[in-house]
N, C-alpha and C. Protein backbone atom coordinates (compact mmCIF):
# COMPACT_ATOMS: atom_id res chain seq x y z
N UNK A 1 -5.94 4.90 48.96
CA UNK A 1 -4.73 4.51 49.66
C UNK A 1 -3.54 4.90 48.80
N UNK A 2 -2.53 5.45 49.44
CA UNK A 2 -1.34 5.85 48.69
C UNK A 2 -0.54 4.62 48.28
N UNK A 3 0.31 4.82 47.30
CA UNK A 3 1.13 3.71 46.80
C UNK A 3 2.09 3.20 47.88
N UNK A 4 2.60 4.10 48.69
CA UNK A 4 3.55 3.70 49.74
C UNK A 4 2.84 2.85 50.79
N UNK A 5 1.65 3.28 51.21
CA UNK A 5 0.90 2.50 52.21
C UNK A 5 0.48 1.15 51.64
N UNK A 6 0.06 1.13 50.38
CA UNK A 6 -0.33 -0.14 49.75
C UNK A 6 0.86 -1.08 49.66
N UNK A 7 2.03 -0.55 49.33
CA UNK A 7 3.24 -1.38 49.24
C UNK A 7 3.61 -1.92 50.62
N UNK A 8 3.49 -1.09 51.64
CA UNK A 8 3.81 -1.54 53.00
C UNK A 8 2.85 -2.64 53.43
N UNK A 9 1.54 -2.44 53.20
CA UNK A 9 0.55 -3.44 53.58
C UNK A 9 0.80 -4.74 52.83
N UNK A 10 1.01 -4.65 51.52
CA UNK A 10 1.26 -5.85 50.72
C UNK A 10 2.53 -6.56 51.17
N UNK A 11 3.55 -5.80 51.52
CA UNK A 11 4.81 -6.38 51.98
C UNK A 11 4.63 -7.12 53.30
N UNK A 12 3.94 -6.51 54.25
CA UNK A 12 3.75 -7.13 55.56
C UNK A 12 2.89 -8.38 55.44
N UNK A 13 1.78 -8.28 54.73
CA UNK A 13 0.87 -9.43 54.60
C UNK A 13 1.57 -10.58 53.88
N UNK A 14 2.27 -10.28 52.80
CA UNK A 14 2.95 -11.32 52.04
C UNK A 14 4.08 -11.95 52.86
N UNK A 15 4.84 -11.13 53.55
CA UNK A 15 5.94 -11.67 54.36
C UNK A 15 5.41 -12.59 55.45
N UNK A 16 4.37 -12.17 56.14
CA UNK A 16 3.79 -13.03 57.18
C UNK A 16 3.25 -14.31 56.57
N UNK A 17 2.55 -14.19 55.46
CA UNK A 17 1.96 -15.35 54.79
C UNK A 17 3.03 -16.39 54.45
N UNK A 18 4.07 -15.98 53.74
CA UNK A 18 5.06 -16.96 53.28
C UNK A 18 5.92 -17.50 54.42
N UNK A 19 6.20 -16.69 55.41
CA UNK A 19 7.02 -17.17 56.53
C UNK A 19 6.23 -18.20 57.36
N UNK A 20 4.96 -17.92 57.62
CA UNK A 20 4.14 -18.86 58.40
C UNK A 20 3.94 -20.16 57.62
N UNK A 21 3.61 -20.06 56.32
CA UNK A 21 3.39 -21.27 55.52
C UNK A 21 4.67 -22.10 55.43
N UNK A 22 5.79 -21.45 55.25
CA UNK A 22 7.06 -22.16 55.19
C UNK A 22 7.39 -22.77 56.55
N UNK A 23 7.10 -22.05 57.61
CA UNK A 23 7.36 -22.56 58.95
C UNK A 23 6.59 -23.84 59.25
N UNK A 24 5.31 -23.87 58.84
CA UNK A 24 4.52 -25.08 59.04
C UNK A 24 5.11 -26.24 58.24
N UNK A 25 5.54 -25.98 57.03
CA UNK A 25 6.10 -27.05 56.19
C UNK A 25 7.41 -27.58 56.78
N UNK A 26 8.25 -26.68 57.23
CA UNK A 26 9.53 -27.09 57.82
C UNK A 26 9.29 -27.81 59.14
N UNK A 27 8.32 -27.35 59.93
CA UNK A 27 8.01 -28.02 61.19
C UNK A 27 7.54 -29.45 60.94
N UNK A 28 6.79 -29.65 59.86
CA UNK A 28 6.33 -31.01 59.53
C UNK A 28 7.50 -31.92 59.15
N UNK A 29 8.54 -31.35 58.59
CA UNK A 29 9.73 -32.14 58.25
C UNK A 29 10.49 -32.50 59.53
N UNK A 30 10.69 -31.51 60.38
CA UNK A 30 11.48 -31.72 61.59
C UNK A 30 10.78 -32.68 62.55
N UNK A 31 9.50 -32.41 62.82
CA UNK A 31 8.76 -33.25 63.77
C UNK A 31 7.27 -33.15 63.46
N UNK A 32 6.69 -34.16 62.84
CA UNK A 32 5.27 -34.10 62.47
C UNK A 32 4.34 -33.95 63.66
N UNK A 33 4.78 -34.29 64.86
CA UNK A 33 3.92 -34.16 66.04
C UNK A 33 3.61 -32.70 66.37
N UNK A 34 4.41 -31.77 65.85
CA UNK A 34 4.11 -30.35 66.06
C UNK A 34 2.77 -29.99 65.43
N UNK A 35 2.47 -30.59 64.29
CA UNK A 35 1.25 -30.26 63.55
C UNK A 35 0.11 -31.22 63.84
N UNK A 36 0.43 -32.50 63.95
CA UNK A 36 -0.58 -33.52 64.22
C UNK A 36 -0.08 -34.33 65.42
N UNK A 37 -0.61 -34.04 66.62
CA UNK A 37 -0.08 -34.69 67.83
C UNK A 37 -0.11 -36.22 67.79
N UNK A 38 -1.08 -36.81 67.14
CA UNK A 38 -1.18 -38.27 67.13
C UNK A 38 -0.34 -38.91 66.02
N UNK A 39 0.35 -38.10 65.24
CA UNK A 39 1.10 -38.62 64.09
C UNK A 39 2.34 -39.37 64.56
N UNK A 40 2.62 -40.45 63.86
CA UNK A 40 3.86 -41.17 64.09
C UNK A 40 4.74 -40.92 62.87
N UNK A 41 5.96 -40.45 63.10
CA UNK A 41 6.82 -40.15 61.97
C UNK A 41 7.16 -41.42 61.18
N UNK A 42 6.91 -41.36 59.89
CA UNK A 42 7.26 -42.45 59.00
C UNK A 42 8.00 -41.87 57.81
N UNK A 43 8.53 -42.74 57.00
CA UNK A 43 9.22 -42.28 55.80
C UNK A 43 8.23 -41.59 54.86
N UNK A 44 6.99 -42.10 54.82
CA UNK A 44 5.96 -41.50 53.95
C UNK A 44 5.58 -40.11 54.43
N UNK A 45 5.46 -39.91 55.75
CA UNK A 45 5.10 -38.58 56.25
C UNK A 45 6.23 -37.58 56.01
N UNK A 46 7.47 -38.04 56.12
CA UNK A 46 8.61 -37.19 55.83
C UNK A 46 8.62 -36.79 54.36
N UNK A 47 8.34 -37.73 53.49
CA UNK A 47 8.30 -37.46 52.06
C UNK A 47 7.21 -36.45 51.72
N UNK A 48 6.02 -36.62 52.28
CA UNK A 48 4.93 -35.68 52.04
C UNK A 48 5.25 -34.30 52.57
N UNK A 49 5.90 -34.23 53.73
CA UNK A 49 6.29 -32.94 54.29
C UNK A 49 7.32 -32.24 53.40
N UNK A 50 8.23 -33.02 52.84
CA UNK A 50 9.22 -32.42 51.93
C UNK A 50 8.56 -31.92 50.65
N UNK A 51 7.57 -32.67 50.15
CA UNK A 51 6.83 -32.21 48.98
C UNK A 51 6.07 -30.92 49.29
N UNK A 52 5.57 -30.78 50.50
CA UNK A 52 4.85 -29.56 50.89
C UNK A 52 5.81 -28.38 51.01
N UNK A 53 7.01 -28.64 51.51
CA UNK A 53 7.98 -27.56 51.71
C UNK A 53 8.67 -27.13 50.42
N UNK A 54 8.79 -28.04 49.47
CA UNK A 54 9.55 -27.76 48.25
C UNK A 54 9.10 -26.49 47.50
N UNK A 55 7.81 -26.25 47.29
CA UNK A 55 7.44 -25.01 46.61
C UNK A 55 7.38 -23.80 47.55
N UNK A 56 7.19 -24.05 48.83
CA UNK A 56 7.01 -22.94 49.76
C UNK A 56 8.32 -22.24 50.11
N UNK A 57 9.40 -22.97 50.20
CA UNK A 57 10.68 -22.35 50.56
C UNK A 57 11.16 -21.39 49.47
N UNK A 58 11.20 -21.80 48.20
CA UNK A 58 11.61 -20.83 47.18
C UNK A 58 10.64 -19.65 47.05
N UNK A 59 9.33 -19.91 47.20
CA UNK A 59 8.36 -18.82 47.16
C UNK A 59 8.64 -17.81 48.26
N UNK A 60 8.93 -18.30 49.45
CA UNK A 60 9.23 -17.41 50.57
C UNK A 60 10.48 -16.59 50.29
N UNK A 61 11.52 -17.23 49.77
CA UNK A 61 12.76 -16.50 49.49
C UNK A 61 12.55 -15.44 48.41
N UNK A 62 11.83 -15.80 47.36
CA UNK A 62 11.56 -14.83 46.29
C UNK A 62 10.66 -13.69 46.76
N UNK A 63 9.63 -14.02 47.53
CA UNK A 63 8.73 -12.98 48.03
C UNK A 63 9.44 -12.04 49.00
N UNK A 64 10.25 -12.60 49.89
CA UNK A 64 11.00 -11.74 50.81
C UNK A 64 12.02 -10.89 50.06
N UNK A 65 12.58 -11.42 48.98
CA UNK A 65 13.47 -10.62 48.13
C UNK A 65 12.73 -9.48 47.47
N UNK A 66 11.52 -9.73 47.00
CA UNK A 66 10.70 -8.68 46.38
C UNK A 66 10.32 -7.62 47.42
N UNK A 67 10.05 -8.05 48.64
CA UNK A 67 9.74 -7.10 49.70
C UNK A 67 10.97 -6.25 49.99
N UNK A 68 12.13 -6.88 50.10
CA UNK A 68 13.37 -6.16 50.39
C UNK A 68 13.69 -5.15 49.30
N UNK A 69 13.53 -5.55 48.05
CA UNK A 69 13.84 -4.67 46.92
C UNK A 69 12.70 -3.69 46.62
N UNK A 70 11.57 -3.86 47.29
CA UNK A 70 10.37 -3.06 47.05
C UNK A 70 9.97 -3.09 45.58
N UNK A 71 10.00 -4.30 45.02
CA UNK A 71 9.64 -4.53 43.62
C UNK A 71 8.15 -4.86 43.55
N UNK A 72 7.35 -3.83 43.34
CA UNK A 72 5.89 -4.00 43.37
C UNK A 72 5.38 -4.99 42.32
N UNK A 73 5.84 -4.96 41.07
CA UNK A 73 5.33 -5.94 40.10
C UNK A 73 5.63 -7.39 40.50
N UNK A 74 6.83 -7.62 41.00
CA UNK A 74 7.19 -8.98 41.45
C UNK A 74 6.37 -9.36 42.67
N UNK A 75 6.15 -8.41 43.56
CA UNK A 75 5.37 -8.69 44.77
C UNK A 75 3.92 -9.01 44.41
N UNK A 76 3.39 -8.35 43.39
CA UNK A 76 2.02 -8.66 42.94
C UNK A 76 1.91 -10.11 42.49
N UNK A 77 2.85 -10.55 41.70
CA UNK A 77 2.82 -11.92 41.17
C UNK A 77 3.03 -12.93 42.30
N UNK A 78 4.06 -12.71 43.09
CA UNK A 78 4.38 -13.67 44.16
C UNK A 78 3.33 -13.66 45.27
N UNK A 79 2.77 -12.49 45.55
CA UNK A 79 1.71 -12.40 46.55
C UNK A 79 0.44 -13.11 46.09
N UNK A 80 0.11 -12.96 44.82
CA UNK A 80 -1.06 -13.66 44.28
C UNK A 80 -0.83 -15.17 44.32
N UNK A 81 0.38 -15.61 44.02
CA UNK A 81 0.70 -17.03 44.10
C UNK A 81 0.60 -17.54 45.54
N UNK A 82 1.11 -16.77 46.48
CA UNK A 82 1.03 -17.16 47.89
C UNK A 82 -0.43 -17.22 48.35
N UNK A 83 -1.24 -16.29 47.88
CA UNK A 83 -2.66 -16.32 48.21
C UNK A 83 -3.36 -17.52 47.61
N UNK A 84 -3.00 -17.87 46.38
CA UNK A 84 -3.59 -19.04 45.73
C UNK A 84 -3.22 -20.32 46.47
N UNK A 85 -1.99 -20.39 46.95
CA UNK A 85 -1.57 -21.57 47.72
C UNK A 85 -2.36 -21.68 49.02
N UNK A 86 -2.61 -20.56 49.66
CA UNK A 86 -3.42 -20.58 50.88
C UNK A 86 -4.85 -20.98 50.58
N UNK A 87 -5.37 -20.52 49.46
CA UNK A 87 -6.73 -20.89 49.06
C UNK A 87 -6.82 -22.40 48.82
N UNK A 88 -5.81 -22.97 48.21
CA UNK A 88 -5.78 -24.42 48.01
C UNK A 88 -5.66 -25.16 49.35
N UNK A 89 -4.89 -24.60 50.28
CA UNK A 89 -4.80 -25.19 51.62
C UNK A 89 -6.16 -25.16 52.31
N UNK A 90 -6.91 -24.08 52.11
CA UNK A 90 -8.26 -24.01 52.68
C UNK A 90 -9.15 -25.08 52.05
N UNK A 91 -8.97 -25.33 50.77
CA UNK A 91 -9.72 -26.39 50.11
C UNK A 91 -9.41 -27.76 50.69
N UNK A 92 -8.17 -27.98 51.05
CA UNK A 92 -7.80 -29.25 51.69
C UNK A 92 -8.47 -29.36 53.05
N UNK A 93 -8.50 -28.27 53.81
CA UNK A 93 -9.19 -28.28 55.10
C UNK A 93 -10.67 -28.53 54.95
N UNK A 94 -11.26 -27.98 53.90
CA UNK A 94 -12.68 -28.22 53.62
C UNK A 94 -12.91 -29.68 53.26
N UNK A 95 -12.03 -30.24 52.46
CA UNK A 95 -12.11 -31.64 52.09
C UNK A 95 -12.02 -32.56 53.31
N UNK A 96 -11.18 -32.16 54.26
CA UNK A 96 -10.98 -32.94 55.49
C UNK A 96 -12.07 -32.69 56.52
N UNK A 97 -12.99 -31.79 56.24
CA UNK A 97 -14.07 -31.42 57.16
C UNK A 97 -13.51 -30.91 58.48
N UNK A 98 -12.42 -30.13 58.39
CA UNK A 98 -11.78 -29.56 59.57
C UNK A 98 -11.90 -28.04 59.49
N UNK A 99 -12.80 -27.44 60.28
CA UNK A 99 -13.00 -25.99 60.19
C UNK A 99 -11.74 -25.18 60.48
N UNK A 100 -10.92 -25.64 61.40
CA UNK A 100 -9.69 -24.92 61.72
C UNK A 100 -8.70 -24.89 60.58
N UNK A 101 -8.59 -26.00 59.87
CA UNK A 101 -7.66 -26.08 58.75
C UNK A 101 -8.22 -25.41 57.50
N UNK A 102 -9.48 -25.04 57.54
CA UNK A 102 -10.10 -24.34 56.42
C UNK A 102 -10.15 -22.84 56.69
N UNK A 103 -10.57 -22.45 57.88
CA UNK A 103 -10.78 -21.03 58.19
C UNK A 103 -9.48 -20.22 58.20
N UNK A 104 -8.43 -20.76 58.79
CA UNK A 104 -7.16 -20.04 58.87
C UNK A 104 -6.59 -19.71 57.51
N UNK A 105 -6.36 -20.72 56.66
CA UNK A 105 -5.84 -20.43 55.32
C UNK A 105 -6.79 -19.57 54.48
N UNK A 106 -8.10 -19.75 54.65
CA UNK A 106 -9.06 -18.94 53.90
C UNK A 106 -8.96 -17.48 54.31
N UNK A 107 -8.84 -17.22 55.60
CA UNK A 107 -8.68 -15.84 56.08
C UNK A 107 -7.40 -15.22 55.52
N UNK A 108 -6.30 -15.97 55.59
CA UNK A 108 -5.03 -15.45 55.07
C UNK A 108 -5.11 -15.20 53.57
N UNK A 109 -5.77 -16.11 52.83
CA UNK A 109 -5.90 -15.95 51.39
C UNK A 109 -6.70 -14.70 51.06
N UNK A 110 -7.81 -14.48 51.75
CA UNK A 110 -8.63 -13.29 51.51
C UNK A 110 -7.84 -12.03 51.83
N UNK A 111 -7.14 -12.03 52.95
CA UNK A 111 -6.31 -10.88 53.32
C UNK A 111 -5.21 -10.64 52.29
N UNK A 112 -4.60 -11.72 51.81
CA UNK A 112 -3.54 -11.61 50.81
C UNK A 112 -4.08 -11.02 49.51
N UNK A 113 -5.21 -11.54 49.03
CA UNK A 113 -5.78 -11.03 47.79
C UNK A 113 -6.23 -9.58 47.93
N UNK A 114 -6.74 -9.21 49.11
CA UNK A 114 -7.15 -7.83 49.33
C UNK A 114 -5.93 -6.90 49.29
N UNK A 115 -4.84 -7.31 49.91
CA UNK A 115 -3.61 -6.51 49.89
C UNK A 115 -3.07 -6.38 48.46
N UNK A 116 -3.15 -7.47 47.69
CA UNK A 116 -2.68 -7.42 46.29
C UNK A 116 -3.59 -6.51 45.46
N UNK A 117 -4.89 -6.55 45.72
CA UNK A 117 -5.82 -5.66 45.02
C UNK A 117 -5.49 -4.20 45.29
N UNK A 118 -5.24 -3.87 46.57
CA UNK A 118 -4.90 -2.49 46.91
C UNK A 118 -3.58 -2.06 46.28
N UNK A 119 -2.61 -2.94 46.25
CA UNK A 119 -1.33 -2.62 45.63
C UNK A 119 -1.50 -2.40 44.14
N UNK A 120 -2.23 -3.29 43.48
CA UNK A 120 -2.44 -3.15 42.04
C UNK A 120 -3.22 -1.88 41.72
N UNK A 121 -4.20 -1.57 42.54
CA UNK A 121 -5.00 -0.35 42.33
C UNK A 121 -4.13 0.89 42.52
N UNK A 122 -3.25 0.89 43.51
CA UNK A 122 -2.38 2.04 43.74
C UNK A 122 -1.34 2.18 42.64
N UNK A 123 -0.94 1.07 42.04
CA UNK A 123 0.04 1.14 40.94
C UNK A 123 -0.57 1.75 39.70
N UNK A 124 -1.87 1.53 39.47
CA UNK A 124 -2.54 2.11 38.30
C UNK A 124 -2.66 3.62 38.43
N UNK A 125 -2.69 4.14 39.66
CA UNK A 125 -2.88 5.57 39.87
C UNK A 125 -1.58 6.35 39.75
N UNK A 126 -0.44 5.67 39.75
CA UNK A 126 0.84 6.37 39.66
C UNK A 126 1.05 6.83 38.22
N UNK A 127 1.25 8.13 38.01
CA UNK A 127 1.44 8.59 36.63
C UNK A 127 2.77 8.10 36.07
N UNK A 128 2.72 7.65 34.84
CA UNK A 128 3.92 7.16 34.15
C UNK A 128 4.54 8.32 33.38
N UNK A 129 5.85 8.48 33.48
CA UNK A 129 6.53 9.53 32.74
C UNK A 129 7.28 8.92 31.59
N UNK A 130 7.34 9.69 30.51
CA UNK A 130 8.09 9.22 29.33
C UNK A 130 9.55 9.58 29.53
N UNK A 131 10.41 8.65 29.19
CA UNK A 131 11.84 8.95 29.27
C UNK A 131 12.36 9.23 27.87
N UNK A 132 13.28 10.11 27.78
CA UNK A 132 13.85 10.37 26.45
C UNK A 132 13.99 11.77 26.11
């Protein structure tokens, strides 16, 4: 895979990953019934939703900035972090014995790590030139 195609794939996968994860966190803040229909909004649920959104919003902004600037090294780091967060979300779904809350994040995490692998592999193939 060429470096340009790998960068495009990594950019698209990472952008979708962070926007969707951030969207779920923000939706939980606005109205918890969007995510859990039987939920009754309480101060505790609002607090937990804010704790969930706190790391995801800056990650999304930084990752989208890396995509915009086409900064492959930054995208590798932020994409791996986004994938790790999805993997942890899959672990929570597994803990809850909810296949839907496990399979979705696990699929996204695997796709994210695969895109990061391809990007990292394509970066190693680019010849480095000496300046001076």
